[in-house]
Structures are given as structure tokens and as C-alpha cells.
PDB file of N, CA and C in Angstrom:
ATOM      1  N   MET A   1      18.547  13.882  18.322  1.00  0.00           N
ATOM      2  CA  MET A   1      18.022  12.976  17.323  1.00  0.00           C
ATOM      3  C   MET A   1      18.341  13.552  15.944  1.00  0.00           C
ATOM      4  N   ALA A   2      18.628  12.697  15.003  1.00  0.00           N
ATOM      5  CA  ALA A   2      19.002  13.129  13.664  1.00  0.00           C
ATOM      6  C   ALA A   2      17.787  13.641  12.896  1.00  0.00           C
ATOM      7  N   ASP A   3      18.089  14.475  11.904  1.00  0.00           N
ATOM      8  CA  ASP A   3      17.012  14.965  11.044  1.00  0.00           C
ATOM      9  C   ASP A   3      16.392  13.813  10.269  1.00  0.00           C
ATOM     10  N   ILE A   4      15.132  13.987   9.936  1.00  0.00           N
ATOM     11  CA  ILE A   4      14.451  13.005   9.109  1.00  0.00           C
ATOM     12  C   ILE A   4      14.831  13.277   7.652  1.00  0.00           C
ATOM     13  N   THR A   5      14.975  12.235   6.868  1.00  0.00           N
ATOM     14  CA  THR A   5      15.399  12.403   5.486  1.00  0.00           C
ATOM     15  C   THR A   5      14.218  12.327   4.529  1.00  0.00           C
ATOM     16  N   LYS A   6      14.457  12.815   3.336  1.00  0.00           N
ATOM     17  CA  LYS A   6      13.429  12.773   2.298  1.00  0.00           C
ATOM     18  C   LYS A   6      13.059  11.315   1.977  1.00  0.00           C
ATOM     19  N   GLU A   7      14.045  10.443   2.006  1.00  0.00           N
ATOM     20  CA  GLU A   7      13.784   9.028   1.734  1.00  0.00           C
ATOM     21  C   GLU A   7      12.889   8.424   2.815  1.00  0.00           C
ATOM     22  N   GLN A   8      13.098   8.827   4.073  1.00  0.00           N
ATOM     23  CA  GLN A   8      12.237   8.336   5.155  1.00  0.00           C
ATOM     24  C   GLN A   8      10.809   8.834   4.968  1.00  0.00           C
ATOM     25  N   ILE A   9      10.655  10.089   4.562  1.00  0.00           N
ATOM     26  CA  ILE A   9       9.317  10.640   4.304  1.00  0.00           C
ATOM     27  C   ILE A   9       8.629   9.844   3.198  1.00  0.00           C
ATOM     28  N   LYS A  10       9.352   9.569   2.130  1.00  0.00           N
ATOM     29  CA  LYS A  10       8.763   8.807   1.018  1.00  0.00           C
ATOM     30  C   LYS A  10       8.401   7.394   1.465  1.00  0.00           C
ATOM     31  N   HIS A  11       9.231   6.788   2.309  1.00  0.00           N
ATOM     32  CA  HIS A  11       8.934   5.451   2.819  1.00  0.00           C
ATOM     33  C   HIS A  11       7.670   5.470   3.686  1.00  0.00           C
ATOM     34  N   ILE A  12       7.561   6.464   4.535  1.00  0.00           N
ATOM     35  CA  ILE A  12       6.367   6.586   5.387  1.00  0.00           C
ATOM     36  C   ILE A  12       5.128   6.766   4.522  1.00  0.00           C
ATOM     37  N   ALA A  13       5.221   7.627   3.511  1.00  0.00           N
ATOM     38  CA  ALA A  13       4.080   7.864   2.619  1.00  0.00           C
ATOM     39  C   ALA A  13       3.704   6.587   1.876  1.00  0.00           C
ATOM     40  N   GLU A  14       4.700   5.859   1.408  1.00  0.00           N
ATOM     41  CA  GLU A  14       4.429   4.610   0.694  1.00  0.00           C
ATOM     42  C   GLU A  14       3.776   3.585   1.611  1.00  0.00           C
ATOM     43  N   THR A  15       4.272   3.495   2.832  1.00  0.00           N
ATOM     44  CA  THR A  15       3.700   2.559   3.804  1.00  0.00           C
ATOM     45  C   THR A  15       2.242   2.908   4.105  1.00  0.00           C
ATOM     46  N   ALA A  16       1.958   4.210   4.168  1.00  0.00           N
ATOM     47  CA  ALA A  16       0.594   4.667   4.452  1.00  0.00           C
ATOM     48  C   ALA A  16      -0.259   4.725   3.190  1.00  0.00           C
ATOM     49  N   LYS A  17       0.321   4.327   2.051  1.00  0.00           N
ATOM     50  CA  LYS A  17      -0.400   4.340   0.769  1.00  0.00           C
ATOM     51  C   LYS A  17      -0.870   5.746   0.408  1.00  0.00           C
ATOM     52  N   ILE A  18       0.030   6.727   0.627  1.00  0.00           N
ATOM     53  CA  ILE A  18      -0.252   8.123   0.306  1.00  0.00           C
ATOM     54  C   ILE A  18       0.721   8.555  -0.781  1.00  0.00           C
ATOM     55  N   ALA A  19       0.169   9.042  -1.876  1.00  0.00           N
ATOM     56  CA  ALA A  19       1.016   9.536  -2.956  1.00  0.00           C
ATOM     57  C   ALA A  19       1.422  10.979  -2.656  1.00  0.00           C
ATOM     58  N   ILE A  20       2.733  11.240  -2.668  1.00  0.00           N
ATOM     59  CA  ILE A  20       3.211  12.604  -2.454  1.00  0.00           C
ATOM     60  C   ILE A  20       4.216  12.954  -3.543  1.00  0.00           C
ATOM     61  N   THR A  21       4.278  14.229  -3.863  1.00  0.00           N
ATOM     62  CA  THR A  21       5.226  14.712  -4.859  1.00  0.00           C
ATOM     63  C   THR A  21       6.567  14.990  -4.186  1.00  0.00           C
ATOM     64  N   ASP A  22       7.603  15.233  -5.016  1.00  0.00           N
ATOM     65  CA  ASP A  22       8.914  15.575  -4.462  1.00  0.00           C
ATOM     66  C   ASP A  22       8.850  16.873  -3.668  1.00  0.00           C
ATOM     67  N   GLU A  23       8.047  17.826  -4.143  1.00  0.00           N
ATOM     68  CA  GLU A  23       7.914  19.100  -3.423  1.00  0.00           C
ATOM     69  C   GLU A  23       7.270  18.888  -2.057  1.00  0.00           C
ATOM     70  N   GLU A  24       6.245  18.031  -2.020  1.00  0.00           N
ATOM     71  CA  GLU A  24       5.607  17.738  -0.735  1.00  0.00           C
ATOM     72  C   GLU A  24       6.573  17.008   0.197  1.00  0.00           C
ATOM     73  N   ALA A  25       7.365  16.096  -0.352  1.00  0.00           N
ATOM     74  CA  ALA A  25       8.337  15.371   0.462  1.00  0.00           C
ATOM     75  C   ALA A  25       9.357  16.336   1.057  1.00  0.00           C
ATOM     76  N   ASP A  26       9.791  17.316   0.266  1.00  0.00           N
ATOM     77  CA  ASP A  26      10.721  18.318   0.780  1.00  0.00           C
ATOM     78  C   ASP A  26      10.095  19.111   1.924  1.00  0.00           C
ATOM     79  N   ARG A  27       8.844  19.535   1.723  1.00  0.00           N
ATOM     80  CA  ARG A  27       8.162  20.325   2.750  1.00  0.00           C
ATOM     81  C   ARG A  27       7.953  19.512   4.026  1.00  0.00           C
ATOM     82  N   PHE A  28       7.509  18.251   3.868  1.00  0.00           N
ATOM     83  CA  PHE A  28       7.289  17.407   5.042  1.00  0.00           C
ATOM     84  C   PHE A  28       8.599  17.115   5.763  1.00  0.00           C
ATOM     85  N   THR A  29       9.685  16.986   5.007  1.00  0.00           N
ATOM     86  CA  THR A  29      10.989  16.759   5.622  1.00  0.00           C
ATOM     87  C   THR A  29      11.350  17.929   6.527  1.00  0.00           C
ATOM     88  N   ASP A  30      11.168  19.146   6.012  1.00  0.00           N
ATOM     89  CA  ASP A  30      11.453  20.340   6.822  1.00  0.00           C
ATOM     90  C   ASP A  30      10.523  20.423   8.029  1.00  0.00           C
ATOM     91  N   ASP A  31       9.221  20.194   7.788  1.00  0.00           N
ATOM     92  CA  ASP A  31       8.239  20.310   8.868  1.00  0.00           C
ATOM     93  C   ASP A  31       8.505  19.293   9.984  1.00  0.00           C
ATOM     94  N   LEU A  32       8.716  18.040   9.615  1.00  0.00           N
ATOM     95  CA  LEU A  32       8.932  17.014  10.634  1.00  0.00           C
ATOM     96  C   LEU A  32      10.268  17.190  11.342  1.00  0.00           C
ATOM     97  N   SER A  33      11.274  17.680  10.628  1.00  0.00           N
ATOM     98  CA  SER A  33      12.555  17.962  11.283  1.00  0.00           C
ATOM     99  C   SER A  33      12.382  19.041  12.348  1.00  0.00           C
ATOM    100  N   SER A  34      11.563  20.044  12.038  1.00  0.00           N
ATOM    101  CA  SER A  34      11.288  21.098  13.030  1.00  0.00           C
ATOM    102  C   SER A  34      10.599  20.533  14.262  1.00  0.00           C
ATOM    103  N   VAL A  35       9.652  19.642  14.055  1.00  0.00           N
ATOM    104  CA  VAL A  35       8.937  19.023  15.175  1.00  0.00           C
ATOM    105  C   VAL A  35       9.910  18.197  16.020  1.00  0.00           C
ATOM    106  N   ILE A  36      10.783  17.450  15.363  1.00  0.00           N
ATOM    107  CA  ILE A  36      11.748  16.615  16.089  1.00  0.00           C
ATOM    108  C   ILE A  36      12.704  17.487  16.896  1.00  0.00           C
ATOM    109  N   HIS A  37      13.186  18.585  16.303  1.00  0.00           N
ATOM    110  CA  HIS A  37      14.092  19.477  17.034  1.00  0.00           C
ATOM    111  C   HIS A  37      13.390  20.109  18.234  1.00  0.00           C
ATOM    112  N   TYR A  38      12.114  20.458  18.065  1.00  0.00           N
ATOM    113  CA  TYR A  38      11.364  21.042  19.180  1.00  0.00           C
ATOM    114  C   TYR A  38      11.204  20.008  20.295  1.00  0.00           C
ATOM    115  N   ALA A  39      10.885  18.765  19.928  1.00  0.00           N
ATOM    116  CA  ALA A  39      10.716  17.716  20.931  1.00  0.00           C
ATOM    117  C   ALA A  39      12.037  17.406  21.633  1.00  0.00           C
ATOM    118  N   ASP A  40      13.140  17.550  20.924  1.00  0.00           N
ATOM    119  CA  ASP A  40      14.453  17.312  21.535  1.00  0.00           C
ATOM    120  C   ASP A  40      14.746  18.285  22.674  1.00  0.00           C
ATOM    121  N   LYS A  41      14.105  19.441  22.660  1.00  0.00           N
ATOM    122  CA  LYS A  41      14.313  20.415  23.737  1.00  0.00           C
ATOM    123  C   LYS A  41      13.864  19.859  25.090  1.00  0.00           C
ATOM    124  N   LEU A  42      12.982  18.871  25.066  1.00  0.00           N
ATOM    125  CA  LEU A  42      12.515  18.273  26.317  1.00  0.00           C
ATOM    126  C   LEU A  42      13.653  17.577  27.058  1.00  0.00           C
ATOM    127  N   GLN A  43      14.697  17.174  26.329  1.00  0.00           N
ATOM    128  CA  GLN A  43      15.847  16.536  26.972  1.00  0.00           C
ATOM    129  C   GLN A  43      16.577  17.502  27.894  1.00  0.00           C
ATOM    130  N   ASP A  44      16.416  18.809  27.657  1.00  0.00           N
ATOM    131  CA  ASP A  44      17.101  19.821  28.458  1.00  0.00           C
ATOM    132  C   ASP A  44      16.366  20.162  29.755  1.00  0.00           C
ATOM    133  N   VAL A  45      15.152  19.670  29.916  1.00  0.00           N
ATOM    134  CA  VAL A  45      14.352  19.995  31.092  1.00  0.00           C
ATOM    135  C   VAL A  45      14.862  19.189  32.290  1.00  0.00           C
ATOM    136  N   ASP A  46      15.088  19.873  33.394  1.00  0.00           N
ATOM    137  CA  ASP A  46      15.558  19.217  34.611  1.00  0.00           C
ATOM    138  C   ASP A  46      14.369  18.573  35.319  1.00  0.00           C
ATOM    139  N   THR A  47      14.347  17.254  35.340  1.00  0.00           N
ATOM    140  CA  THR A  47      13.248  16.531  35.988  1.00  0.00           C
ATOM    141  C   THR A  47      13.714  15.810  37.255  1.00  0.00           C
ATOM    142  N   GLU A  48      14.860  16.202  37.762  1.00  0.00           N
ATOM    143  CA  GLU A  48      15.385  15.582  38.985  1.00  0.00           C
ATOM    144  C   GLU A  48      14.395  15.799  40.131  1.00  0.00           C
ATOM    145  N   GLY A  49      13.991  14.723  40.764  1.00  0.00           N
ATOM    146  CA  GLY A  49      13.088  14.801  41.903  1.00  0.00           C
ATOM    147  C   GLY A  49      11.618  14.936  41.536  1.00  0.00           C
ATOM    148  N   VAL A  50      11.304  14.898  40.264  1.00  0.00           N
ATOM    149  CA  VAL A  50       9.908  15.000  39.834  1.00  0.00           C
ATOM    150  C   VAL A  50       9.356  13.590  39.666  1.00  0.00           C
ATOM    151  N   GLU A  51       8.259  13.326  40.371  1.00  0.00           N
ATOM    152  CA  GLU A  51       7.642  12.009  40.294  1.00  0.00           C
ATOM    153  C   GLU A  51       6.925  11.839  38.950  1.00  0.00           C
ATOM    154  N   PRO A  52       7.061  10.664  38.348  1.00  0.00           N
ATOM    155  CA  PRO A  52       6.305  10.413  37.113  1.00  0.00           C
ATOM    156  C   PRO A  52       4.810  10.480  37.394  1.00  0.00           C
ATOM    157  N   THR A  53       4.061  10.973  36.448  1.00  0.00           N
ATOM    158  CA  THR A  53       2.622  11.086  36.628  1.00  0.00           C
ATOM    159  C   THR A  53       1.893  10.676  35.366  1.00  0.00           C
ATOM    160  N   ILE A  54       0.721  10.177  35.561  1.00  0.00           N
ATOM    161  CA  ILE A  54      -0.125   9.812  34.430  1.00  0.00           C
ATOM    162  C   ILE A  54      -1.130  10.919  34.181  1.00  0.00           C
ATOM    163  N   PHE A  55      -1.682  11.469  35.245  1.00  0.00           N
ATOM    164  CA  PHE A  55      -2.711  12.495  35.138  1.00  0.00           C
ATOM    165  C   PHE A  55      -2.179  13.810  35.700  1.00  0.00           C
ATOM    166  N   MET A  56      -2.606  14.904  35.122  1.00  0.00           N
ATOM    167  CA  MET A  56      -2.138  16.214  35.555  1.00  0.00           C
ATOM    168  C   MET A  56      -2.941  16.755  36.734  1.00  0.00           C
ATOM    169  N   THR A  57      -4.121  16.216  36.960  1.00  0.00           N
ATOM    170  CA  THR A  57      -4.954  16.676  38.071  1.00  0.00           C
ATOM    171  C   THR A  57      -5.400  15.470  38.888  1.00  0.00           C
ATOM    172  N   ASP A  58      -6.034  15.732  40.011  1.00  0.00           N
ATOM    173  CA  ASP A  58      -6.543  14.650  40.848  1.00  0.00           C
ATOM    174  C   ASP A  58      -7.939  14.208  40.432  1.00  0.00           C
ATOM    175  N   LEU A  59      -8.464  14.780  39.360  1.00  0.00           N
ATOM    176  CA  LEU A  59      -9.804  14.406  38.923  1.00  0.00           C
ATOM    177  C   LEU A  59      -9.822  12.978  38.413  1.00  0.00           C
ATOM    178  N   GLN A  60     -10.921  12.308  38.654  1.00  0.00           N
ATOM    179  CA  GLN A  60     -11.089  10.941  38.173  1.00  0.00           C
ATOM    180  C   GLN A  60     -12.403  10.869  37.417  1.00  0.00           C
ATOM    181  N   ASN A  61     -12.490   9.896  36.534  1.00  0.00           N
ATOM    182  CA  ASN A  61     -13.743   9.699  35.811  1.00  0.00           C
ATOM    183  C   ASN A  61     -14.832   9.285  36.796  1.00  0.00           C
ATOM    184  N   VAL A  62     -15.969   9.891  36.644  1.00  0.00           N
ATOM    185  CA  VAL A  62     -17.107   9.536  37.473  1.00  0.00           C
ATOM    186  C   VAL A  62     -18.072   8.763  36.581  1.00  0.00           C
ATOM    187  N   MET A  63     -18.217   7.499  36.878  1.00  0.00           N
ATOM    188  CA  MET A  63     -19.063   6.643  36.062  1.00  0.00           C
ATOM    189  C   MET A  63     -20.286   6.236  36.859  1.00  0.00           C
ATOM    190  N   ARG A  64     -21.379   6.160  36.175  1.00  0.00           N
ATOM    191  CA  ARG A  64     -22.582   5.664  36.833  1.00  0.00           C
ATOM    192  C   ARG A  64     -22.509   4.148  36.914  1.00  0.00           C
ATOM    193  N   ASP A  65     -23.252   3.568  37.831  1.00  0.00           N
ATOM    194  CA  ASP A  65     -23.318   2.121  37.924  1.00  0.00           C
ATOM    195  C   ASP A  65     -23.955   1.568  36.663  1.00  0.00           C
ATOM    196  N   ASP A  66     -23.452   0.457  36.206  1.00  0.00           N
ATOM    197  CA  ASP A  66     -23.975  -0.180  35.003  1.00  0.00           C
ATOM    198  C   ASP A  66     -25.151  -1.065  35.396  1.00  0.00           C
ATOM    199  N   GLU A  67     -26.311  -0.454  35.395  1.00  0.00           N
ATOM    200  CA  GLU A  67     -27.513  -1.172  35.795  1.00  0.00           C
ATOM    201  C   GLU A  67     -28.508  -1.159  34.647  1.00  0.00           C
ATOM    202  N   PRO A  68     -29.196  -2.274  34.429  1.00  0.00           N
ATOM    203  CA  PRO A  68     -30.186  -2.308  33.342  1.00  0.00           C
ATOM    204  C   PRO A  68     -31.342  -1.350  33.642  1.00  0.00           C
ATOM    205  N   THR A  69     -31.816  -0.694  32.631  1.00  0.00           N
ATOM    206  CA  THR A  69     -32.961   0.206  32.769  1.00  0.00           C
ATOM    207  C   THR A  69     -33.961  -0.090  31.666  1.00  0.00           C
ATOM    208  N   ASN A  70     -35.152   0.359  31.853  1.00  0.00           N
ATOM    209  CA  ASN A  70     -36.187   0.187  30.835  1.00  0.00           C
ATOM    210  C   ASN A  70     -36.087   1.317  29.817  1.00  0.00           C
ATOM    211  N   TRP A  71     -35.952   0.958  28.583  1.00  0.00           N
ATOM    212  CA  TRP A  71     -35.897   1.937  27.517  1.00  0.00           C
ATOM    213  C   TRP A  71     -37.308   2.226  27.031  1.00  0.00           C
ATOM    214  N   THR A  72     -37.427   3.292  26.310  1.00  0.00           N
ATOM    215  CA  THR A  72     -38.723   3.592  25.716  1.00  0.00           C
ATOM    216  C   THR A  72     -38.988   2.589  24.600  1.00  0.00           C
ATOM    217  N   SER A  73     -40.146   2.669  24.028  1.00  0.00           N
ATOM    218  CA  SER A  73     -40.505   1.707  22.996  1.00  0.00           C
ATOM    219  C   SER A  73     -39.689   1.943  21.721  1.00  0.00           C
ATOM    220  N   ARG A  74     -39.629   0.931  20.900  1.00  0.00           N
ATOM    221  CA  ARG A  74     -38.906   1.020  19.635  1.00  0.00           C
ATOM    222  C   ARG A  74     -39.469   2.147  18.772  1.00  0.00           C
ATOM    223  N   GLU A  75     -40.762   2.282  18.779  1.00  0.00           N
ATOM    224  CA  GLU A  75     -41.392   3.330  17.970  1.00  0.00           C
ATOM    225  C   GLU A  75     -40.962   4.725  18.434  1.00  0.00           C
ATOM    226  N   ASP A  76     -40.889   4.915  19.758  1.00  0.00           N
ATOM    227  CA  ASP A  76     -40.452   6.211  20.285  1.00  0.00           C
ATOM    228  C   ASP A  76     -39.005   6.510  19.880  1.00  0.00           C
ATOM    229  N   LEU A  77     -38.153   5.493  19.925  1.00  0.00           N
ATOM    230  CA  LEU A  77     -36.764   5.696  19.539  1.00  0.00           C
ATOM    231  C   LEU A  77     -36.646   6.004  18.048  1.00  0.00           C
ATOM    232  N   LEU A  78     -37.416   5.324  17.230  1.00  0.00           N
ATOM    233  CA  LEU A  78     -37.332   5.508  15.777  1.00  0.00           C
ATOM    234  C   LEU A  78     -37.924   6.836  15.314  1.00  0.00           C
ATOM    235  N   LYS A  79     -38.700   7.498  16.178  1.00  0.00           N
ATOM    236  CA  LYS A  79     -39.246   8.810  15.812  1.00  0.00           C
ATOM    237  C   LYS A  79     -38.126   9.810  15.528  1.00  0.00           C
ATOM    238  N   ASN A  80     -36.992   9.663  16.212  1.00  0.00           N
ATOM    239  CA  ASN A  80     -35.873  10.586  16.046  1.00  0.00           C
ATOM    240  C   ASN A  80     -34.921  10.186  14.924  1.00  0.00           C
ATOM    241  N   ALA A  81     -35.151   9.029  14.309  1.00  0.00           N
ATOM    242  CA  ALA A  81     -34.233   8.550  13.274  1.00  0.00           C
ATOM    243  C   ALA A  81     -34.450   9.330  11.981  1.00  0.00           C
ATOM    244  N   PRO A  82     -33.368   9.840  11.387  1.00  0.00           N
ATOM    245  CA  PRO A  82     -33.515  10.542  10.119  1.00  0.00           C
ATOM    246  C   PRO A  82     -33.927   9.603   8.988  1.00  0.00           C
ATOM    247  N   ASP A  83     -33.573   8.319   9.094  1.00  0.00           N
ATOM    248  CA  ASP A  83     -33.940   7.344   8.073  1.00  0.00           C
ATOM    249  C   ASP A  83     -34.145   6.004   8.759  1.00  0.00           C
ATOM    250  N   ARG A  84     -35.237   5.347   8.477  1.00  0.00           N
ATOM    251  CA  ARG A  84     -35.518   4.055   9.089  1.00  0.00           C
ATOM    252  C   ARG A  84     -36.196   3.155   8.072  1.00  0.00           C
ATOM    253  N   GLN A  85     -36.085   1.843   8.334  1.00  0.00           N
ATOM    254  CA  GLN A  85     -36.686   0.870   7.430  1.00  0.00           C
ATOM    255  C   GLN A  85     -36.994  -0.394   8.209  1.00  0.00           C
ATOM    256  N   ASP A  86     -38.193  -0.888   8.098  1.00  0.00           N
ATOM    257  CA  ASP A  86     -38.629  -2.134   8.730  1.00  0.00           C
ATOM    258  C   ASP A  86     -38.347  -2.169  10.227  1.00  0.00           C
ATOM    259  N   GLY A  87     -38.514  -1.038  10.900  1.00  0.00           N
ATOM    260  CA  GLY A  87     -38.350  -0.994  12.337  1.00  0.00           C
ATOM    261  C   GLY A  87     -36.913  -0.862  12.805  1.00  0.00           C
ATOM    262  N   TYR A  88     -35.990  -0.526  11.905  1.00  0.00           N
ATOM    263  CA  TYR A  88     -34.582  -0.373  12.257  1.00  0.00           C
ATOM    264  C   TYR A  88     -34.058   0.971  11.764  1.00  0.00           C
ATOM    265  N   PHE A  89     -32.971   1.441  12.386  1.00  0.00           N
ATOM    266  CA  PHE A  89     -32.279   2.615  11.892  1.00  0.00           C
ATOM    267  C   PHE A  89     -31.638   2.234  10.558  1.00  0.00           C
ATOM    268  N   ARG A  90     -31.717   3.115   9.583  1.00  0.00           N
ATOM    269  CA  ARG A  90     -31.069   2.876   8.298  1.00  0.00           C
ATOM    270  C   ARG A  90     -29.911   3.852   8.182  1.00  0.00           C
ATOM    271  N   VAL A  91     -28.714   3.308   7.909  1.00  0.00           N
ATOM    272  CA  VAL A  91     -27.510   4.118   7.799  1.00  0.00           C
ATOM    273  C   VAL A  91     -26.833   3.840   6.460  1.00  0.00           C
ATOM    274  N   PRO A  92     -25.997   4.789   5.996  1.00  0.00           N
ATOM    275  CA  PRO A  92     -25.304   4.561   4.736  1.00  0.00           C
ATOM    276  C   PRO A  92     -24.313   3.398   4.850  1.00  0.00           C
ATOM    277  N   SER A  93     -24.152   2.679   3.756  1.00  0.00           N
ATOM    278  CA  SER A  93     -23.194   1.586   3.712  1.00  0.00           C
ATOM    279  C   SER A  93     -21.777   2.140   3.740  1.00  0.00           C
ATOM    280  N   ILE A  94     -20.898   1.488   4.501  1.00  0.00           N
ATOM    281  CA  ILE A  94     -19.510   1.931   4.543  1.00  0.00           C
ATOM    282  C   ILE A  94     -18.578   0.921   3.881  1.00  0.00           C
ATOM    283  N   LEU A  95     -19.095  -0.208   3.471  1.00  0.00           N
ATOM    284  CA  LEU A  95     -18.288  -1.249   2.823  1.00  0.00           C
ATOM    285  C   LEU A  95     -18.666  -1.335   1.372  1.00  0.00           C
ATOM    286  N   ASP A  96     -17.673  -1.654   0.545  1.00  0.00           N
ATOM    287  CA  ASP A  96     -17.943  -1.836  -0.893  1.00  0.00           C
ATOM    288  C   ASP A  96     -18.575  -3.181  -1.144  1.00  0.00           C
TER     289      ASP A  96
END
């Protein structure tokens, strides 16, 4: 795979709405080129006869049955809330 260019780095930064300096673009160009060259080494690995796999082990997620249960009272739950108002959890606003 070809090296990544400074122009590609600037395009990626612009697309992500990230302001970067020319010095940062140079550094990121070198850093990402190193990552790409390292990943290219995977092409040299002999995978003949190796079955594709999704999971590395035979472990599977163990999920409990989704059954309704009785919760404690609202007051008991709100005792642990760091901030509450009118019987609800109060959290900081994340929208302008």
C-alpha cells in the first residue's frame, strides 16, 4: 500500500473538523505511514489452510433470561442519586 500523503492527512482533518498545523500534518503523515507499513506485513503471513474465525476462543456470552422483576421503590433508587429533582435523576445538560 502506498504511503499516506500530507494532503490526505489535511483532508482527513478537515473532514473531521480538526484544525492541525503543518508540523502536526507532517508528524501524522509519518506516524500513519508507519502504521500502514506495519499492517502491510500481514500480507506476508502464510494463512494457507487456516479457517477464518470470528472469535479466538470457544467462550460465548452468557446472558440471563430477560424476565421482568420487581424493582425497589423509587425512593430507594433515588437515595443513591448524586443529584435529583422532583422524583427524578438530575443530570447535566449535554445539548446547547
